[in-house]
């Protein structure tokens, strides 16, 4: 079995960016925009679901000596903004 890479997220991001530009040559711009709006909405929702328990613990933590709780809340809030912005674009625009 072939080992993919030590950091598969970077590999998949590079493949995704390459596929986007290859698709942009063939697919009309409006259709490509709709596809990637839906994909980014799905990814943002998955990140929100994944980070929700950690964000809830960070919001309710009693001992806030370090700053790592701010990172968790910042990631959660950034993807909440992306999710609501994508919802606006998909449903109301």
C-alpha atoms as a PDB file:
ATOM      1  CA  UNK A   1       0.000   0.000   0.000  1.00  0.00           C
ATOM      2  CA  UNK A   2       1.319   3.410  -0.950  1.00  0.00           C
ATOM      3  CA  UNK A   3       1.885   5.942   1.776  1.00  0.00           C
ATOM      4  CA  UNK A   4       0.256   9.239   0.764  1.00  0.00           C
ATOM      5  CA  UNK A   5       2.204  11.924   2.605  1.00  0.00           C
ATOM      6  CA  UNK A   6       3.021  13.025   6.111  1.00  0.00           C
ATOM      7  CA  UNK A   7       0.735  16.026   5.765  1.00  0.00           C
ATOM      8  CA  UNK A   8      -2.199  14.859   3.697  1.00  0.00           C
ATOM      9  CA  UNK A   9      -4.127  18.130   4.207  1.00  0.00           C
ATOM     10  CA  UNK A  10      -1.517  20.026   2.181  1.00  0.00           C
ATOM     11  CA  UNK A  11      -1.568  17.363  -0.516  1.00  0.00           C
ATOM     12  CA  UNK A  12      -5.364  17.399  -0.810  1.00  0.00           C
ATOM     13  CA  UNK A  13      -5.422  21.212  -0.818  1.00  0.00           C
ATOM     14  CA  UNK A  14      -2.897  21.273  -3.666  1.00  0.00           C
ATOM     15  CA  UNK A  15      -4.965  18.717  -5.594  1.00  0.00           C
ATOM     16  CA  UNK A  16      -8.127  20.751  -4.954  1.00  0.00           C
ATOM     17  CA  UNK A  17      -6.543  23.989  -6.175  1.00  0.00           C
ATOM     18  CA  UNK A  18      -5.250  22.247  -9.281  1.00  0.00           C
ATOM     19  CA  UNK A  19      -8.646  20.686 -10.003  1.00  0.00           C
ATOM     20  CA  UNK A  20     -10.315  24.091  -9.594  1.00  0.00           C
ATOM     21  CA  UNK A  21      -8.161  25.672 -12.278  1.00  0.00           C
ATOM     22  CA  UNK A  22      -8.573  22.689 -14.593  1.00  0.00           C
ATOM     23  CA  UNK A  23     -12.351  22.832 -14.141  1.00  0.00           C
ATOM     24  CA  UNK A  24     -12.347  26.611 -14.662  1.00  0.00           C
ATOM     25  CA  UNK A  25     -11.132  26.043 -18.212  1.00  0.00           C
ATOM     26  CA  UNK A  26     -14.122  23.838 -19.102  1.00  0.00           C
ATOM     27  CA  UNK A  27     -17.035  24.714 -16.781  1.00  0.00           C
ATOM     28  CA  UNK A  28     -18.948  28.018 -17.065  1.00  0.00           C
ATOM     29  CA  UNK A  29     -18.175  30.572 -14.363  1.00  0.00           C
ATOM     30  CA  UNK A  30     -21.689  30.690 -12.862  1.00  0.00           C
ATOM     31  CA  UNK A  31     -21.889  26.913 -12.495  1.00  0.00           C
ATOM     32  CA  UNK A  32     -18.390  26.746 -11.001  1.00  0.00           C
ATOM     33  CA  UNK A  33     -19.321  29.464  -8.496  1.00  0.00           C
ATOM     34  CA  UNK A  34     -22.436  27.537  -7.445  1.00  0.00           C
ATOM     35  CA  UNK A  35     -20.451  24.328  -7.017  1.00  0.00           C
ATOM     36  CA  UNK A  36     -17.770  25.902  -4.863  1.00  0.00           C
ATOM     37  CA  UNK A  37     -20.269  27.927  -2.816  1.00  0.00           C
ATOM     38  CA  UNK A  38     -21.949  24.651  -1.897  1.00  0.00           C
ATOM     39  CA  UNK A  39     -18.650  22.908  -1.198  1.00  0.00           C
ATOM     40  CA  UNK A  40     -17.379  25.712   1.038  1.00  0.00           C
ATOM     41  CA  UNK A  41     -20.702  25.741   2.895  1.00  0.00           C
ATOM     42  CA  UNK A  42     -20.418  21.994   3.519  1.00  0.00           C
ATOM     43  CA  UNK A  43     -16.846  22.262   4.746  1.00  0.00           C
ATOM     44  CA  UNK A  44     -17.715  25.173   7.045  1.00  0.00           C
ATOM     45  CA  UNK A  45     -20.633  23.243   8.554  1.00  0.00           C
ATOM     46  CA  UNK A  46     -18.398  20.189   9.119  1.00  0.00           C
ATOM     47  CA  UNK A  47     -15.770  22.347  10.850  1.00  0.00           C
ATOM     48  CA  UNK A  48     -18.455  23.954  13.037  1.00  0.00           C
ATOM     49  CA  UNK A  49     -19.788  20.545  14.073  1.00  0.00           C
ATOM     50  CA  UNK A  50     -16.284  19.262  14.774  1.00  0.00           C
ATOM     51  CA  UNK A  51     -15.175  22.285  16.819  1.00  0.00           C
ATOM     52  CA  UNK A  52     -18.465  22.893  18.669  1.00  0.00           C
ATOM     53  CA  UNK A  53     -17.658  20.708  21.730  1.00  0.00           C
ATOM     54  CA  UNK A  54     -14.203  22.257  22.132  1.00  0.00           C
ATOM     55  CA  UNK A  55     -15.639  25.764  21.729  1.00  0.00           C
ATOM     56  CA  UNK A  56     -18.318  25.030  24.335  1.00  0.00           C
ATOM     57  CA  UNK A  57     -15.633  23.861  26.770  1.00  0.00           C
ATOM     58  CA  UNK A  58     -13.519  26.945  25.995  1.00  0.00           C
ATOM     59  CA  UNK A  59     -16.471  29.294  26.601  1.00  0.00           C
ATOM     60  CA  UNK A  60     -17.282  27.674  29.947  1.00  0.00           C
ATOM     61  CA  UNK A  61     -13.734  27.086  31.193  1.00  0.00           C
ATOM     62  CA  UNK A  62     -13.005  28.294  34.707  1.00  0.00           C
ATOM     63  CA  UNK A  63      -9.209  28.320  34.428  1.00  0.00           C
ATOM     64  CA  UNK A  64      -8.180  30.604  31.580  1.00  0.00           C
ATOM     65  CA  UNK A  65      -4.494  30.959  32.316  1.00  0.00           C
ATOM     66  CA  UNK A  66      -3.218  30.192  28.811  1.00  0.00           C
ATOM     67  CA  UNK A  67      -4.366  31.576  25.516  1.00  0.00           C
ATOM     68  CA  UNK A  68      -5.206  28.289  23.821  1.00  0.00           C
ATOM     69  CA  UNK A  69      -8.918  28.753  24.562  1.00  0.00           C
ATOM     70  CA  UNK A  70      -8.845  31.920  22.441  1.00  0.00           C
ATOM     71  CA  UNK A  71      -7.540  29.946  19.465  1.00  0.00           C
ATOM     72  CA  UNK A  72     -10.392  27.435  19.727  1.00  0.00           C
ATOM     73  CA  UNK A  73     -12.997  30.185  19.967  1.00  0.00           C
ATOM     74  CA  UNK A  74     -11.393  32.125  17.088  1.00  0.00           C
ATOM     75  CA  UNK A  75     -11.462  29.088  14.778  1.00  0.00           C
ATOM     76  CA  UNK A  76     -15.067  28.350  15.714  1.00  0.00           C
ATOM     77  CA  UNK A  77     -16.199  31.957  15.230  1.00  0.00           C
ATOM     78  CA  UNK A  78     -14.318  32.338  11.930  1.00  0.00           C
ATOM     79  CA  UNK A  79     -16.068  29.305  10.489  1.00  0.00           C
ATOM     80  CA  UNK A  80     -19.393  30.478  11.928  1.00  0.00           C
ATOM     81  CA  UNK A  81     -18.948  33.692   9.942  1.00  0.00           C
ATOM     82  CA  UNK A  82     -18.055  31.700   6.811  1.00  0.00           C
ATOM     83  CA  UNK A  83     -21.106  29.473   7.323  1.00  0.00           C
ATOM     84  CA  UNK A  84     -23.524  32.373   7.680  1.00  0.00           C
ATOM     85  CA  UNK A  85     -21.950  34.217   4.754  1.00  0.00           C
ATOM     86  CA  UNK A  86     -22.281  31.105   2.553  1.00  0.00           C
ATOM     87  CA  UNK A  87     -25.885  30.694   3.717  1.00  0.00           C
ATOM     88  CA  UNK A  88     -26.564  34.259   2.621  1.00  0.00           C
ATOM     89  CA  UNK A  89     -24.968  33.705  -0.773  1.00  0.00           C
ATOM     90  CA  UNK A  90     -26.717  30.381  -1.400  1.00  0.00           C
ATOM     91  CA  UNK A  91     -30.195  31.148  -0.086  1.00  0.00           C
ATOM     92  CA  UNK A  92     -30.706  34.909  -0.373  1.00  0.00           C
ATOM     93  CA  UNK A  93     -28.614  36.000  -3.330  1.00  0.00           C
END
